[in-house]
Amino acid sequence: MMGNYSSSAQAKADPENFKSVVLHIAPIWVERIDGRWLYMEQAMAETPDKPYRQRVYRIMDEDDGVENMMFELPGDPLRFAGAWKDTDRLNQLMPQLLTPLEGCSVHLKRTGNAEWTGGTGDQLCESTLRGATRAHSQWWLKSNELRTWDQGFDAASKQVWGPVNGPHIFIKETTK
């Protein structure tokens, strides 16, 4: 899951439904033994230094896969913008300073060699973004691709944010 991703190919192929987004996932706190910790940053490609979503993930093994627990950063998360390039900036944080996003964990199961799929399932992942009361996420992960379908729904179960026609398709950038 770690790496740098872009949805520019999808945005070029379907500009009416998708924008070009960059996604960065980097390991943090690698010495910890209470799971694998990752920092994630997501931004529009035209404003990569102004992420609209920043999270810390804690990956925990489950009997039949992994649980990707999600956390919000304390205070103004934009002070950590770009930390995926220099994760030492996050060393001042401790996990207890993070806010867990209850009900928003993504449970992933292996579906093939280096392939995983899963989502939030029936959990109640609360959201107040753009009039939503709950959010739902579905993920598909391959060695070079991450597809995420994040959607928000209001109290009447009407979708109020997120793609309607399918997931964002992020292609992993290869290092040169």
Protein backbone atom coordinates (compact mmCIF):
# COMPACT_ATOMS: atom_id res chain seq x y z
CA MET A 1 0.00 0.00 0.00
CA MET A 2 2.93 2.34 0.58
CA GLY A 3 3.95 4.60 -2.27
CA ASN A 4 2.93 7.54 -4.42
CA TYR A 5 -0.18 7.29 -6.56
CA SER A 6 -2.00 9.38 -9.15
CA SER A 7 -5.48 9.22 -10.68
CA SER A 8 -4.46 11.35 -13.69
CA ALA A 9 -5.10 8.56 -16.24
CA GLN A 10 -8.66 8.13 -14.97
CA ALA A 11 -9.23 11.91 -14.95
CA LYS A 12 -8.06 12.15 -18.57
CA ALA A 13 -10.30 9.25 -19.61
CA ASP A 14 -13.38 10.50 -17.71
CA PRO A 15 -12.98 14.23 -16.89
CA GLU A 16 -16.71 14.72 -16.26
CA ASN A 17 -16.71 12.30 -13.31
CA PHE A 18 -13.15 12.35 -11.95
CA LYS A 19 -10.47 14.91 -11.14
CA SER A 20 -6.74 14.26 -11.07
CA VAL A 21 -5.75 13.42 -7.48
CA VAL A 22 -2.40 12.52 -5.93
CA LEU A 23 -2.16 10.11 -3.01
CA HIS A 24 0.91 9.47 -0.88
CA ILE A 25 1.29 6.74 1.75
CA ALA A 26 4.48 6.46 3.80
CA PRO A 27 5.51 4.35 6.80
CA ILE A 28 5.87 6.09 10.16
CA TRP A 29 6.91 4.94 13.63
CA VAL A 30 8.53 1.82 12.15
CA GLU A 31 10.03 0.85 15.51
CA ARG A 32 6.59 0.39 17.11
CA ILE A 33 5.41 -3.19 17.68
CA ASP A 34 1.68 -2.44 18.02
CA GLY A 35 0.90 -2.65 14.31
CA ARG A 36 2.19 -1.05 11.14
CA TRP A 37 1.62 2.73 11.07
CA LEU A 38 1.26 4.74 7.87
CA TYR A 39 0.76 8.42 7.05
CA MET A 40 -1.60 9.17 4.13
CA GLU A 41 -2.07 12.44 2.28
CA GLN A 42 -4.49 13.10 -0.59
CA ALA A 43 -4.62 16.30 -2.68
CA MET A 44 -5.84 17.62 -5.99
CA ALA A 45 -3.01 17.31 -8.54
CA GLU A 46 -3.05 21.06 -9.22
CA THR A 47 -2.55 21.86 -5.50
CA PRO A 48 -0.37 19.02 -4.15
CA ASP A 49 0.82 21.11 -1.21
CA LYS A 50 -2.75 21.62 0.05
CA PRO A 51 -4.08 18.16 0.91
CA TYR A 52 -7.81 17.84 1.49
CA ARG A 53 -7.44 14.55 3.39
CA GLN A 54 -4.71 13.50 5.81
CA ARG A 55 -4.90 10.38 7.94
CA VAL A 56 -2.79 8.04 9.99
CA TYR A 57 -3.48 4.36 9.40
CA ARG A 58 -2.74 1.56 11.83
CA ILE A 59 -2.67 -1.82 10.11
CA MET A 60 -3.51 -4.72 12.42
CA ASP A 61 -3.61 -8.41 11.51
CA GLU A 62 -6.99 -10.14 11.77
CA ASP A 63 -7.78 -13.85 11.48
CA ASP A 64 -8.83 -13.53 7.85
CA GLY A 65 -7.00 -10.38 6.73
CA VAL A 66 -6.08 -6.97 8.11
CA GLU A 67 -7.88 -4.07 9.72
CA ASN A 68 -6.89 -0.61 8.53
CA MET A 69 -7.79 1.62 11.48
CA MET A 70 -8.06 5.33 10.63
CA PHE A 71 -7.06 8.30 12.73
CA GLU A 72 -7.25 12.09 12.36
CA LEU A 73 -4.27 14.26 13.16
CA PRO A 74 -4.55 16.68 16.10
CA GLY A 75 -5.02 20.41 15.55
CA ASP A 76 -4.56 21.79 12.05
CA PRO A 77 -3.50 18.81 9.93
CA LEU A 78 -2.14 21.12 7.21
CA ARG A 79 0.91 21.74 9.40
CA PHE A 80 1.91 18.19 8.42
CA ALA A 81 1.35 18.72 4.66
CA GLY A 82 4.21 17.10 2.78
CA ALA A 83 5.22 14.89 5.72
CA TRP A 84 5.13 11.87 3.42
CA LYS A 85 8.46 13.19 2.02
CA ASP A 86 9.95 13.63 5.51
CA THR A 87 8.17 11.41 8.02
CA ASP A 88 10.51 12.56 10.80
CA ARG A 89 8.16 15.55 11.03
CA LEU A 90 5.59 13.15 12.51
CA ASN A 91 7.91 11.80 15.22
CA GLN A 92 6.70 14.53 17.60
CA LEU A 93 3.28 12.87 17.53
CA MET A 94 2.28 9.95 19.68
CA PRO A 95 -0.61 7.63 18.77
CA GLN A 96 -2.56 8.77 21.84
CA LEU A 97 -2.69 12.31 20.36
CA LEU A 98 -4.59 11.00 17.32
CA THR A 99 -8.39 10.87 17.10
CA PRO A 100 -9.69 7.44 16.08
CA LEU A 101 -12.39 7.48 13.40
CA GLU A 102 -14.72 4.98 15.04
CA GLY A 103 -16.58 2.72 12.62
CA CYS A 104 -14.40 3.84 9.70
CA SER A 105 -11.88 0.98 9.73
CA VAL A 106 -11.41 -0.71 6.37
CA HIS A 107 -11.23 -4.51 6.72
CA LEU A 108 -9.21 -6.06 3.89
CA LYS A 109 -9.03 -9.70 2.86
CA ARG A 110 -6.45 -11.21 0.54
CA THR A 111 -8.07 -12.15 -2.78
CA GLY A 112 -4.95 -13.19 -4.66
CA ASN A 113 -1.19 -12.88 -4.68
CA ALA A 114 -0.61 -9.25 -3.60
CA GLU A 115 -4.31 -8.44 -4.05
CA TRP A 116 -6.69 -7.29 -1.31
CA THR A 117 -10.27 -6.07 -1.19
CA GLY A 118 -12.59 -4.81 1.52
CA GLY A 119 -14.36 -1.88 3.02
CA THR A 120 -16.11 -0.40 6.00
CA GLY A 121 -18.97 -2.89 5.65
CA ASP A 122 -21.96 -2.34 7.90
CA GLN A 123 -20.03 -0.24 10.42
CA LEU A 124 -21.40 3.23 11.15
CA CYS A 125 -18.70 5.63 9.98
CA GLU A 126 -20.04 9.03 10.96
CA SER A 127 -19.47 11.98 8.63
CA THR A 128 -20.66 15.56 8.60
CA LEU A 129 -18.99 16.50 5.30
CA ARG A 130 -21.40 18.32 2.94
CA GLY A 131 -24.53 17.27 4.83
CA ALA A 132 -23.63 13.62 5.26
CA THR A 133 -24.45 11.62 8.36
CA ARG A 134 -22.41 8.55 7.42
CA ALA A 135 -19.65 7.51 5.05
CA HIS A 136 -18.89 4.24 3.31
CA SER A 137 -15.57 3.12 1.81
CA GLN A 138 -14.67 0.24 -0.48
CA TRP A 139 -11.06 -0.53 -1.44
CA TRP A 140 -9.32 -2.74 -3.99
CA LEU A 141 -5.54 -3.00 -3.69
CA LYS A 142 -3.02 -4.53 -6.09
CA SER A 143 0.75 -4.16 -6.17
CA ASN A 144 0.58 -1.19 -8.56
CA GLU A 145 -2.95 0.11 -8.07
CA LEU A 146 -5.30 1.30 -5.34
CA ARG A 147 -8.99 1.83 -6.04
CA THR A 148 -11.02 3.66 -3.42
CA TRP A 149 -14.72 4.40 -3.49
CA ASP A 150 -15.54 6.79 -0.66
CA GLN A 151 -19.11 8.06 -0.48
CA GLY A 152 -21.14 10.13 1.98
CA PHE A 153 -24.87 9.68 2.62
CA ASP A 154 -27.41 11.86 4.42
CA ALA A 155 -30.02 10.73 6.96
CA ALA A 156 -32.36 9.71 4.10
CA SER A 157 -29.57 7.54 2.55
CA LYS A 158 -29.17 9.96 -0.36
CA GLN A 159 -25.58 10.21 -1.59
CA VAL A 160 -24.25 13.74 -0.97
CA TRP A 161 -20.56 13.38 -1.82
CA GLY A 162 -18.14 11.02 -3.53
CA PRO A 163 -18.11 9.44 -6.98
CA VAL A 164 -21.37 8.00 -8.30
CA ASN A 165 -20.06 5.90 -11.19
CA GLY A 166 -17.27 3.94 -9.50
CA PRO A 167 -14.04 4.21 -7.54
CA HIS A 168 -11.09 6.51 -7.96
CA ILE A 169 -8.33 4.54 -9.68
CA PHE A 170 -4.88 5.43 -8.35
CA ILE A 171 -1.89 4.08 -10.25
CA LYS A 172 1.32 3.67 -8.29
CA GLU A 173 4.18 5.76 -9.61
CA THR A 174 7.35 3.85 -10.36
CA THR A 175 10.62 5.19 -9.06
CA LYS A 176 13.32 5.96 -11.58
